[in-house]
Amino acid sequence: LVFVPKLITMRTNPDAATQNRRLKFTQNQKKEDSKTST
C-alpha cells in the first residue's frame, strides 16, 4: 500500500512524476514568496 503506487507512477511516467513534484513545489514557493515579497 505504501510503495506500489509510487512504483507505478515512476514506471508509467517517470518524467512527469518528477516534473509534477518540482512544478508544484515551485508554485507553492512562489505563492509563499508573493506573501512575503515586500
PDB file of all heavy atoms in Angstrom:
ATOM      1  N   LEU A   1       0.817  -1.209   0.000  1.00  0.00           N
ATOM      2  CA  LEU A   1       0.000   0.000   0.000  1.00  0.00           C
ATOM      3  C   LEU A   1       0.854   1.264   0.000  1.00  0.00           C
ATOM      4  O   LEU A   1       0.471   2.279  -0.576  1.00  0.00           O
ATOM      5  CB  LEU A   1      -0.925   0.016   1.220  1.00  0.00           C
ATOM      6  CG  LEU A   1      -2.162  -0.862   1.129  1.00  0.00           C
ATOM      7  CD1 LEU A   1      -2.868  -0.905   2.477  1.00  0.00           C
ATOM      8  CD2 LEU A   1      -3.107  -0.358   0.061  1.00  0.00           C
ATOM      9  N   VAL A   2       2.006   1.217   0.626  1.00  0.00           N
ATOM     10  CA  VAL A   2       2.833   2.406   0.710  1.00  0.00           C
ATOM     11  C   VAL A   2       3.708   2.575  -0.534  1.00  0.00           C
ATOM     12  O   VAL A   2       3.839   3.684  -1.064  1.00  0.00           O
ATOM     13  CB  VAL A   2       3.704   2.380   1.986  1.00  0.00           C
ATOM     14  CG1 VAL A   2       4.714   3.510   1.998  1.00  0.00           C
ATOM     15  CG2 VAL A   2       2.820   2.462   3.214  1.00  0.00           C
ATOM     16  N   PHE A   3       4.286   1.497  -1.054  1.00  0.00           N
ATOM     17  CA  PHE A   3       5.288   1.641  -2.101  1.00  0.00           C
ATOM     18  C   PHE A   3       4.808   1.345  -3.519  1.00  0.00           C
ATOM     19  O   PHE A   3       5.363   1.891  -4.468  1.00  0.00           O
ATOM     20  CB  PHE A   3       6.502   0.766  -1.779  1.00  0.00           C
ATOM     21  CG  PHE A   3       7.253   1.244  -0.584  1.00  0.00           C
ATOM     22  CD1 PHE A   3       7.270   0.506   0.581  1.00  0.00           C
ATOM     23  CD2 PHE A   3       7.931   2.444  -0.606  1.00  0.00           C
ATOM     24  CE1 PHE A   3       7.949   0.953   1.695  1.00  0.00           C
ATOM     25  CE2 PHE A   3       8.614   2.902   0.500  1.00  0.00           C
ATOM     26  CZ  PHE A   3       8.629   2.148   1.652  1.00  0.00           C
ATOM     27  N   VAL A   4       3.824   0.492  -3.716  1.00  0.00           N
ATOM     28  CA  VAL A   4       3.406   0.136  -5.069  1.00  0.00           C
ATOM     29  C   VAL A   4       2.855   1.342  -5.843  1.00  0.00           C
ATOM     30  O   VAL A   4       3.190   1.505  -7.018  1.00  0.00           O
ATOM     31  CB  VAL A   4       2.416  -1.052  -5.048  1.00  0.00           C
ATOM     32  CG1 VAL A   4       1.745  -1.254  -6.382  1.00  0.00           C
ATOM     33  CG2 VAL A   4       3.152  -2.320  -4.645  1.00  0.00           C
ATOM     34  N   PRO A   5       2.036   2.226  -5.255  1.00  0.00           N
ATOM     35  CA  PRO A   5       1.595   3.394  -6.032  1.00  0.00           C
ATOM     36  C   PRO A   5       2.753   4.266  -6.514  1.00  0.00           C
ATOM     37  O   PRO A   5       2.715   4.793  -7.624  1.00  0.00           O
ATOM     38  CB  PRO A   5       0.709   4.164  -5.052  1.00  0.00           C
ATOM     39  CG  PRO A   5       0.233   3.156  -4.092  1.00  0.00           C
ATOM     40  CD  PRO A   5       1.336   2.164  -3.958  1.00  0.00           C
ATOM     41  N   LYS A   6       3.789   4.404  -5.717  1.00  0.00           N
ATOM     42  CA  LYS A   6       4.948   5.185  -6.146  1.00  0.00           C
ATOM     43  C   LYS A   6       5.670   4.493  -7.289  1.00  0.00           C
ATOM     44  O   LYS A   6       6.099   5.136  -8.246  1.00  0.00           O
ATOM     45  CB  LYS A   6       5.905   5.381  -4.973  1.00  0.00           C
ATOM     46  CG  LYS A   6       5.348   6.261  -3.904  1.00  0.00           C
ATOM     47  CD  LYS A   6       6.315   6.400  -2.761  1.00  0.00           C
ATOM     48  CE  LYS A   6       5.663   7.227  -1.676  1.00  0.00           C
ATOM     49  NZ  LYS A   6       6.545   7.513  -0.591  1.00  0.00           N
ATOM     50  N   LEU A   7       5.825   3.177  -7.180  1.00  0.00           N
ATOM     51  CA  LEU A   7       6.482   2.438  -8.252  1.00  0.00           C
ATOM     52  C   LEU A   7       5.678   2.506  -9.542  1.00  0.00           C
ATOM     53  O   LEU A   7       6.249   2.630 -10.631  1.00  0.00           O
ATOM     54  CB  LEU A   7       6.695   0.977  -7.833  1.00  0.00           C
ATOM     55  CG  LEU A   7       7.697   0.762  -6.700  1.00  0.00           C
ATOM     56  CD1 LEU A   7       7.712  -0.705  -6.293  1.00  0.00           C
ATOM     57  CD2 LEU A   7       9.072   1.209  -7.120  1.00  0.00           C
ATOM     58  N   ILE A   8       4.365   2.426  -9.444  1.00  0.00           N
ATOM     59  CA  ILE A   8       3.518   2.508 -10.639  1.00  0.00           C
ATOM     60  C   ILE A   8       3.653   3.880 -11.285  1.00  0.00           C
ATOM     61  O   ILE A   8       3.771   4.003 -12.511  1.00  0.00           O
ATOM     62  CB  ILE A   8       2.051   2.189 -10.285  1.00  0.00           C
ATOM     63  CG1 ILE A   8       1.911   0.705  -9.952  1.00  0.00           C
ATOM     64  CG2 ILE A   8       1.113   2.576 -11.424  1.00  0.00           C
ATOM     65  CD1 ILE A   8       0.555   0.330  -9.404  1.00  0.00           C
ATOM     66  N   THR A   9       3.664   4.923 -10.470  1.00  0.00           N
ATOM     67  CA  THR A   9       3.815   6.275 -11.009  1.00  0.00           C
ATOM     68  C   THR A   9       5.165   6.444 -11.692  1.00  0.00           C
ATOM     69  O   THR A   9       5.247   7.000 -12.788  1.00  0.00           O
ATOM     70  CB  THR A   9       3.674   7.315  -9.887  1.00  0.00           C
ATOM     71  OG1 THR A   9       2.409   7.131  -9.260  1.00  0.00           O
ATOM     72  CG2 THR A   9       3.780   8.719 -10.420  1.00  0.00           C
ATOM     73  N   MET A  10       6.200   5.947 -11.064  1.00  0.00           N
ATOM     74  CA  MET A  10       7.530   6.061 -11.658  1.00  0.00           C
ATOM     75  C   MET A  10       7.665   5.194 -12.901  1.00  0.00           C
ATOM     76  O   MET A  10       8.396   5.547 -13.824  1.00  0.00           O
ATOM     77  CB  MET A  10       8.609   5.679 -10.636  1.00  0.00           C
ATOM     78  CG  MET A  10       8.754   6.675  -9.509  1.00  0.00           C
ATOM     79  SD  MET A  10       9.179   8.334 -10.052  1.00  0.00           S
ATOM     80  CE  MET A  10      10.813   8.068 -10.665  1.00  0.00           C
ATOM     81  N   ARG A  11       6.962   4.077 -12.936  1.00  0.00           N
ATOM     82  CA  ARG A  11       7.041   3.168 -14.083  1.00  0.00           C
ATOM     83  C   ARG A  11       6.279   3.720 -15.285  1.00  0.00           C
ATOM     84  O   ARG A  11       6.761   3.655 -16.409  1.00  0.00           O
ATOM     85  CB  ARG A  11       6.490   1.806 -13.683  1.00  0.00           C
ATOM     86  CG  ARG A  11       6.449   0.798 -14.779  1.00  0.00           C
ATOM     87  CD  ARG A  11       7.793   0.284 -15.028  1.00  0.00           C
ATOM     88  NE  ARG A  11       7.818  -1.108 -14.645  1.00  0.00           N
ATOM     89  CZ  ARG A  11       8.789  -1.886 -15.007  1.00  0.00           C
ATOM     90  NH1 ARG A  11       9.766  -1.422 -15.706  1.00  0.00           N
ATOM     91  NH2 ARG A  11       8.797  -3.124 -14.631  1.00  0.00           N
ATOM     92  N   THR A  12       5.084   4.259 -15.051  1.00  0.00           N
ATOM     93  CA  THR A  12       4.265   4.718 -16.168  1.00  0.00           C
ATOM     94  C   THR A  12       4.792   6.003 -16.794  1.00  0.00           C
ATOM     95  O   THR A  12       4.806   6.144 -18.000  1.00  0.00           O
ATOM     96  CB  THR A  12       2.805   4.938 -15.720  1.00  0.00           C
ATOM     97  OG1 THR A  12       2.781   5.853 -14.634  1.00  0.00           O
ATOM     98  CG2 THR A  12       2.155   3.628 -15.334  1.00  0.00           C
ATOM     99  N   ASN A  13       5.209   6.955 -15.952  1.00  0.00           N
ATOM    100  CA  ASN A  13       5.659   8.230 -16.494  1.00  0.00           C
ATOM    101  C   ASN A  13       6.689   8.855 -15.553  1.00  0.00           C
ATOM    102  O   ASN A  13       6.355   9.721 -14.755  1.00  0.00           O
ATOM    103  CB  ASN A  13       4.453   9.158 -16.678  1.00  0.00           C
ATOM    104  CG  ASN A  13       4.757  10.282 -17.623  1.00  0.00           C
ATOM    105  OD1 ASN A  13       5.878  10.428 -18.087  1.00  0.00           O
ATOM    106  ND2 ASN A  13       3.756  11.091 -17.882  1.00  0.00           N
ATOM    107  N   PRO A  14       7.940   8.425 -15.640  1.00  0.00           N
ATOM    108  CA  PRO A  14       8.933   8.912 -14.677  1.00  0.00           C
ATOM    109  C   PRO A  14       9.217  10.405 -14.798  1.00  0.00           C
ATOM    110  O   PRO A  14       9.418  11.082 -13.799  1.00  0.00           O
ATOM    111  CB  PRO A  14      10.179   8.084 -14.985  1.00  0.00           C
ATOM    112  CG  PRO A  14       9.972   7.549 -16.352  1.00  0.00           C
ATOM    113  CD  PRO A  14       8.492   7.484 -16.584  1.00  0.00           C
ATOM    114  N   ASP A  15       9.211  10.936 -16.016  1.00  0.00           N
ATOM    115  CA  ASP A  15       9.494  12.366 -16.179  1.00  0.00           C
ATOM    116  C   ASP A  15       8.382  13.218 -15.612  1.00  0.00           C
ATOM    117  O   ASP A  15       8.625  14.227 -14.952  1.00  0.00           O
ATOM    118  CB  ASP A  15       9.699  12.698 -17.648  1.00  0.00           C
ATOM    119  CG  ASP A  15      10.950  12.037 -18.203  1.00  0.00           C
ATOM    120  OD1 ASP A  15      11.877  11.795 -17.403  1.00  0.00           O
ATOM    121  OD2 ASP A  15      10.986  11.745 -19.412  1.00  0.00           O
ATOM    122  N   ALA A  16       7.134  12.821 -15.849  1.00  0.00           N
ATOM    123  CA  ALA A  16       6.004  13.604 -15.352  1.00  0.00           C
ATOM    124  C   ALA A  16       5.931  13.555 -13.830  1.00  0.00           C
ATOM    125  O   ALA A  16       5.576  14.539 -13.187  1.00  0.00           O
ATOM    126  CB  ALA A  16       4.703  13.094 -15.946  1.00  0.00           C
ATOM    127  N   ALA A  17       6.279  12.415 -13.251  1.00  0.00           N
ATOM    128  CA  ALA A  17       6.226  12.285 -11.792  1.00  0.00           C
ATOM    129  C   ALA A  17       7.210  13.243 -11.132  1.00  0.00           C
ATOM    130  O   ALA A  17       6.861  13.957 -10.194  1.00  0.00           O
ATOM    131  CB  ALA A  17       6.519  10.851 -11.377  1.00  0.00           C
ATOM    132  N   THR A  18       8.429  13.298 -11.632  1.00  0.00           N
ATOM    133  CA  THR A  18       9.402  14.208 -11.036  1.00  0.00           C
ATOM    134  C   THR A  18       9.103  15.653 -11.408  1.00  0.00           C
ATOM    135  O   THR A  18       9.307  16.550 -10.614  1.00  0.00           O
ATOM    136  CB  THR A  18      10.831  13.836 -11.466  1.00  0.00           C
ATOM    137  OG1 THR A  18      10.882  13.836 -12.902  1.00  0.00           O
ATOM    138  CG2 THR A  18      11.216  12.483 -10.931  1.00  0.00           C
ATOM    139  N   GLN A  19       8.599  15.874 -12.619  1.00  0.00           N
ATOM    140  CA  GLN A  19       8.277  17.233 -13.051  1.00  0.00           C
ATOM    141  C   GLN A  19       7.135  17.814 -12.230  1.00  0.00           C
ATOM    142  O   GLN A  19       7.175  18.973 -11.852  1.00  0.00           O
ATOM    143  CB  GLN A  19       7.909  17.229 -14.536  1.00  0.00           C
ATOM    144  CG  GLN A  19       7.902  18.587 -15.171  1.00  0.00           C
ATOM    145  CD  GLN A  19       9.313  19.161 -15.285  1.00  0.00           C
ATOM    146  OE1 GLN A  19      10.298  18.534 -14.923  1.00  0.00           O
ATOM    147  NE2 GLN A  19       9.400  20.374 -15.760  1.00  0.00           N
ATOM    148  N   ASN A  20       6.088  17.014 -11.967  1.00  0.00           N
ATOM    149  CA  ASN A  20       4.958  17.487 -11.174  1.00  0.00           C
ATOM    150  C   ASN A  20       5.405  17.891  -9.780  1.00  0.00           C
ATOM    151  O   ASN A  20       4.938  18.874  -9.225  1.00  0.00           O
ATOM    152  CB  ASN A  20       3.865  16.422 -11.072  1.00  0.00           C
ATOM    153  CG  ASN A  20       3.104  16.286 -12.366  1.00  0.00           C
ATOM    154  OD1 ASN A  20       3.102  17.190 -13.193  1.00  0.00           O
ATOM    155  ND2 ASN A  20       2.451  15.156 -12.546  1.00  0.00           N
ATOM    156  N   ARG A  21       6.294  17.115  -9.199  1.00  0.00           N
ATOM    157  CA  ARG A  21       6.784  17.441  -7.863  1.00  0.00           C
ATOM    158  C   ARG A  21       7.488  18.784  -7.881  1.00  0.00           C
ATOM    159  O   ARG A  21       7.263  19.636  -7.043  1.00  0.00           O
ATOM    160  CB  ARG A  21       7.748  16.369  -7.371  1.00  0.00           C
ATOM    161  CG  ARG A  21       7.047  15.176  -6.808  1.00  0.00           C
ATOM    162  CD  ARG A  21       8.045  14.248  -6.188  1.00  0.00           C
ATOM    163  NE  ARG A  21       7.818  12.954  -6.796  1.00  0.00           N
ATOM    164  CZ  ARG A  21       8.747  12.088  -7.090  1.00  0.00           C
ATOM    165  NH1 ARG A  21       9.987  12.336  -6.825  1.00  0.00           N
ATOM    166  NH2 ARG A  21       8.453  10.941  -7.640  1.00  0.00           N
ATOM    167  N   ARG A  22       8.359  18.961  -8.864  1.00  0.00           N
ATOM    168  CA  ARG A  22       9.105  20.212  -8.933  1.00  0.00           C
ATOM    169  C   ARG A  22       8.179  21.384  -9.220  1.00  0.00           C
ATOM    170  O   ARG A  22       8.314  22.447  -8.649  1.00  0.00           O
ATOM    171  CB  ARG A  22      10.177  20.115 -10.012  1.00  0.00           C
ATOM    172  CG  ARG A  22      11.290  19.182  -9.655  1.00  0.00           C
ATOM    173  CD  ARG A  22      12.334  19.155 -10.730  1.00  0.00           C
ATOM    174  NE  ARG A  22      13.282  18.099 -10.470  1.00  0.00           N
ATOM    175  CZ  ARG A  22      13.831  17.345 -11.395  1.00  0.00           C
ATOM    176  NH1 ARG A  22      13.531  17.535 -12.655  1.00  0.00           N
ATOM    177  NH2 ARG A  22      14.690  16.417 -11.074  1.00  0.00           N
ATOM    178  N   LEU A  23       7.243  21.190 -10.142  1.00  0.00           N
ATOM    179  CA  LEU A  23       6.340  22.256 -10.514  1.00  0.00           C
ATOM    180  C   LEU A  23       5.478  22.691  -9.345  1.00  0.00           C
ATOM    181  O   LEU A  23       5.370  23.877  -9.053  1.00  0.00           O
ATOM    182  CB  LEU A  23       5.452  21.796 -11.677  1.00  0.00           C
ATOM    183  CG  LEU A  23       4.431  22.807 -12.194  1.00  0.00           C
ATOM    184  CD1 LEU A  23       5.156  24.006 -12.778  1.00  0.00           C
ATOM    185  CD2 LEU A  23       3.536  22.166 -13.217  1.00  0.00           C
ATOM    186  N   LYS A  24       4.888  21.734  -8.630  1.00  0.00           N
ATOM    187  CA  LYS A  24       4.040  22.083  -7.505  1.00  0.00           C
ATOM    188  C   LYS A  24       4.848  22.744  -6.392  1.00  0.00           C
ATOM    189  O   LYS A  24       4.390  23.663  -5.744  1.00  0.00           O
ATOM    190  CB  LYS A  24       3.300  20.853  -6.969  1.00  0.00           C
ATOM    191  CG  LYS A  24       2.202  20.406  -7.892  1.00  0.00           C
ATOM    192  CD  LYS A  24       1.379  19.329  -7.286  1.00  0.00           C
ATOM    193  CE  LYS A  24       0.256  18.956  -8.240  1.00  0.00           C
ATOM    194  NZ  LYS A  24      -0.641  17.994  -7.683  1.00  0.00           N
ATOM    195  N   PHE A  25       6.070  22.261  -6.195  1.00  0.00           N
ATOM    196  CA  PHE A  25       6.905  22.854  -5.157  1.00  0.00           C
ATOM    197  C   PHE A  25       7.238  24.302  -5.506  1.00  0.00           C
ATOM    198  O   PHE A  25       7.135  25.185  -4.673  1.00  0.00           O
ATOM    199  CB  PHE A  25       8.181  22.030  -4.975  1.00  0.00           C
ATOM    200  CG  PHE A  25       9.092  22.576  -3.926  1.00  0.00           C
ATOM    201  CD1 PHE A  25       8.761  22.463  -2.584  1.00  0.00           C
ATOM    202  CD2 PHE A  25      10.266  23.209  -4.264  1.00  0.00           C
ATOM    203  CE1 PHE A  25       9.585  22.967  -1.612  1.00  0.00           C
ATOM    204  CE2 PHE A  25      11.097  23.722  -3.299  1.00  0.00           C
ATOM    205  CZ  PHE A  25      10.756  23.596  -1.965  1.00  0.00           C
ATOM    206  N   THR A  26       7.601  24.555  -6.758  1.00  0.00           N
ATOM    207  CA  THR A  26       7.943  25.915  -7.137  1.00  0.00           C
ATOM    208  C   THR A  26       6.716  26.811  -7.136  1.00  0.00           C
ATOM    209  O   THR A  26       6.807  27.977  -6.777  1.00  0.00           O
ATOM    210  CB  THR A  26       8.622  25.955  -8.518  1.00  0.00           C
ATOM    211  OG1 THR A  26       7.765  25.314  -9.469  1.00  0.00           O
ATOM    212  CG2 THR A  26       9.961  25.269  -8.491  1.00  0.00           C
ATOM    213  N   GLN A  27       5.552  26.264  -7.526  1.00  0.00           N
ATOM    214  CA  GLN A  27       4.338  27.075  -7.491  1.00  0.00           C
ATOM    215  C   GLN A  27       3.995  27.461  -6.058  1.00  0.00           C
ATOM    216  O   GLN A  27       3.658  28.609  -5.784  1.00  0.00           O
ATOM    217  CB  GLN A  27       3.165  26.319  -8.120  1.00  0.00           C
ATOM    218  CG  GLN A  27       3.246  26.234  -9.625  1.00  0.00           C
ATOM    219  CD  GLN A  27       2.147  25.362 -10.195  1.00  0.00           C
ATOM    220  OE1 GLN A  27       1.492  24.621  -9.469  1.00  0.00           O
ATOM    221  NE2 GLN A  27       1.969  25.434 -11.498  1.00  0.00           N
ATOM    222  N   ASN A  28       4.068  26.507  -5.146  1.00  0.00           N
ATOM    223  CA  ASN A  28       3.783  26.810  -3.743  1.00  0.00           C
ATOM    224  C   ASN A  28       4.811  27.774  -3.180  1.00  0.00           C
ATOM    225  O   ASN A  28       4.484  28.634  -2.381  1.00  0.00           O
ATOM    226  CB  ASN A  28       3.743  25.530  -2.915  1.00  0.00           C
ATOM    227  CG  ASN A  28       2.527  24.698  -3.232  1.00  0.00           C
ATOM    228  OD1 ASN A  28       1.540  25.207  -3.747  1.00  0.00           O
ATOM    229  ND2 ASN A  28       2.601  23.421  -2.947  1.00  0.00           N
ATOM    230  N   GLN A  29       6.054  27.622  -3.597  1.00  0.00           N
ATOM    231  CA  GLN A  29       7.104  28.517  -3.124  1.00  0.00           C
ATOM    232  C   GLN A  29       6.845  29.935  -3.624  1.00  0.00           C
ATOM    233  O   GLN A  29       7.036  30.899  -2.909  1.00  0.00           O
ATOM    234  CB  GLN A  29       8.474  28.018  -3.607  1.00  0.00           C
ATOM    235  CG  GLN A  29       9.637  28.638  -2.897  1.00  0.00           C
ATOM    236  CD  GLN A  29       9.670  28.253  -1.434  1.00  0.00           C
ATOM    237  OE1 GLN A  29       9.182  27.204  -1.036  1.00  0.00           O
ATOM    238  NE2 GLN A  29      10.234  29.115  -0.618  1.00  0.00           N
ATOM    239  N   LYS A  30       6.372  30.062  -4.884  1.00  0.00           N
ATOM    240  CA  LYS A  30       6.062  31.390  -5.426  1.00  0.00           C
ATOM    241  C   LYS A  30       4.902  32.027  -4.672  1.00  0.00           C
ATOM    242  O   LYS A  30       4.899  33.230  -4.425  1.00  0.00           O
ATOM    243  CB  LYS A  30       5.735  31.289  -6.913  1.00  0.00           C
ATOM    244  CG  LYS A  30       6.951  31.057  -7.775  1.00  0.00           C
ATOM    245  CD  LYS A  30       6.576  30.931  -9.231  1.00  0.00           C
ATOM    246  CE  LYS A  30       7.784  30.593 -10.078  1.00  0.00           C
ATOM    247  NZ  LYS A  30       7.419  30.375 -11.476  1.00  0.00           N
ATOM    248  N   LYS A  31       3.894  31.215  -4.300  1.00  0.00           N
ATOM    249  CA  LYS A  31       2.774  31.752  -3.528  1.00  0.00           C
ATOM    250  C   LYS A  31       3.261  32.289  -2.189  1.00  0.00           C
ATOM    251  O   LYS A  31       2.867  33.359  -1.763  1.00  0.00           O
ATOM    252  CB  LYS A  31       1.707  30.673  -3.299  1.00  0.00           C
ATOM    253  CG  LYS A  31       0.928  30.314  -4.536  1.00  0.00           C
ATOM    254  CD  LYS A  31      -0.058  29.210  -4.229  1.00  0.00           C
ATOM    255  CE  LYS A  31      -0.753  28.723  -5.487  1.00  0.00           C
ATOM    256  NZ  LYS A  31      -1.626  27.579  -5.223  1.00  0.00           N
ATOM    257  N   GLU A  32       4.122  31.506  -1.529  1.00  0.00           N
ATOM    258  CA  GLU A  32       4.644  31.955  -0.243  1.00  0.00           C
ATOM    259  C   GLU A  32       5.528  33.182  -0.419  1.00  0.00           C
ATOM    260  O   GLU A  32       5.517  34.097   0.395  1.00  0.00           O
ATOM    261  CB  GLU A  32       5.429  30.828   0.429  1.00  0.00           C
ATOM    262  CG  GLU A  32       4.565  29.678   0.889  1.00  0.00           C
ATOM    263  CD  GLU A  32       5.386  28.523   1.426  1.00  0.00           C
ATOM    264  OE1 GLU A  32       6.613  28.678   1.578  1.00  0.00           O
ATOM    265  OE2 GLU A  32       4.797  27.469   1.681  1.00  0.00           O
ATOM    266  N   ASP A  33       6.293  33.206  -1.519  1.00  0.00           N
ATOM    267  CA  ASP A  33       7.164  34.342  -1.765  1.00  0.00           C
ATOM    268  C   ASP A  33       6.363  35.614  -2.040  1.00  0.00           C
ATOM    269  O   ASP A  33       6.761  36.697  -1.645  1.00  0.00           O
ATOM    270  CB  ASP A  33       8.107  34.066  -2.942  1.00  0.00           C
ATOM    271  CG  ASP A  33       9.186  33.066  -2.581  1.00  0.00           C
ATOM    272  OD1 ASP A  33       9.358  32.802  -1.371  1.00  0.00           O
ATOM    273  OD2 ASP A  33       9.842  32.544  -3.500  1.00  0.00           O
ATOM    274  N   SER A  34       5.228  35.486  -2.737  1.00  0.00           N
ATOM    275  CA  SER A  34       4.422  36.669  -3.030  1.00  0.00           C
ATOM    276  C   SER A  34       3.827  37.256  -1.757  1.00  0.00           C
ATOM    277  O   SER A  34       3.621  38.450  -1.663  1.00  0.00           O
ATOM    278  CB  SER A  34       3.316  36.323  -4.030  1.00  0.00           C
ATOM    279  OG  SER A  34       2.380  35.443  -3.438  1.00  0.00           O
ATOM    280  N   LYS A  35       3.561  36.398  -0.762  1.00  0.00           N
ATOM    281  CA  LYS A  35       3.013  36.887   0.504  1.00  0.00           C
ATOM    282  C   LYS A  35       4.039  37.727   1.249  1.00  0.00           C
ATOM    283  O   LYS A  35       3.714  38.717   1.901  1.00  0.00           O
ATOM    284  CB  LYS A  35       2.567  35.724   1.391  1.00  0.00           C
ATOM    285  CG  LYS A  35       1.376  34.975   0.853  1.00  0.00           C
ATOM    286  CD  LYS A  35       1.059  33.795   1.743  1.00  0.00           C
ATOM    287  CE  LYS A  35      -0.036  32.935   1.148  1.00  0.00           C
ATOM    288  NZ  LYS A  35      -0.262  31.716   1.913  1.00  0.00           N
ATOM    289  N   THR A  36       5.292  37.297   1.172  1.00  0.00           N
ATOM    290  CA  THR A  36       6.331  37.989   1.929  1.00  0.00           C
ATOM    291  C   THR A  36       7.254  38.794   1.028  1.00  0.00           C
ATOM    292  O   THR A  36       8.362  39.114   1.412  1.00  0.00           O
ATOM    293  CB  THR A  36       7.155  36.964   2.726  1.00  0.00           C
ATOM    294  OG1 THR A  36       7.733  36.037   1.800  1.00  0.00           O
ATOM    295  CG2 THR A  36       6.298  36.231   3.729  1.00  0.00           C
ATOM    296  N   SER A  37       6.816  39.111  -0.180  1.00  0.00           N
ATOM    297  CA  SER A  37       7.717  39.754  -1.140  1.00  0.00           C
ATOM    298  C   SER A  37       8.119  41.150  -0.698  1.00  0.00           C
ATOM    299  O   SER A  37       9.248  41.573  -0.938  1.00  0.00           O
ATOM    300  CB  SER A  37       7.075  39.789  -2.524  1.00  0.00           C
ATOM    301  OG  SER A  37       5.901  40.576  -2.485  1.00  0.00           O
ATOM    302  N   THR A  38       7.222  41.889  -0.072  1.00  0.00           N
ATOM    303  CA  THR A  38       7.574  43.261   0.322  1.00  0.00           C
ATOM    304  C   THR A  38       8.658  43.264   1.390  1.00  0.00           C
ATOM    305  O   THR A  38       9.618  44.030   1.302  1.00  0.00           O
ATOM    306  CB  THR A  38       6.332  44.007   0.831  1.00  0.00           C
ATOM    307  OG1 THR A  38       5.756  43.259   1.911  1.00  0.00           O
ATOM    308  CG2 THR A  38       5.304  44.180  -0.266  1.00  0.00           C
TER     309      THR A  38
END
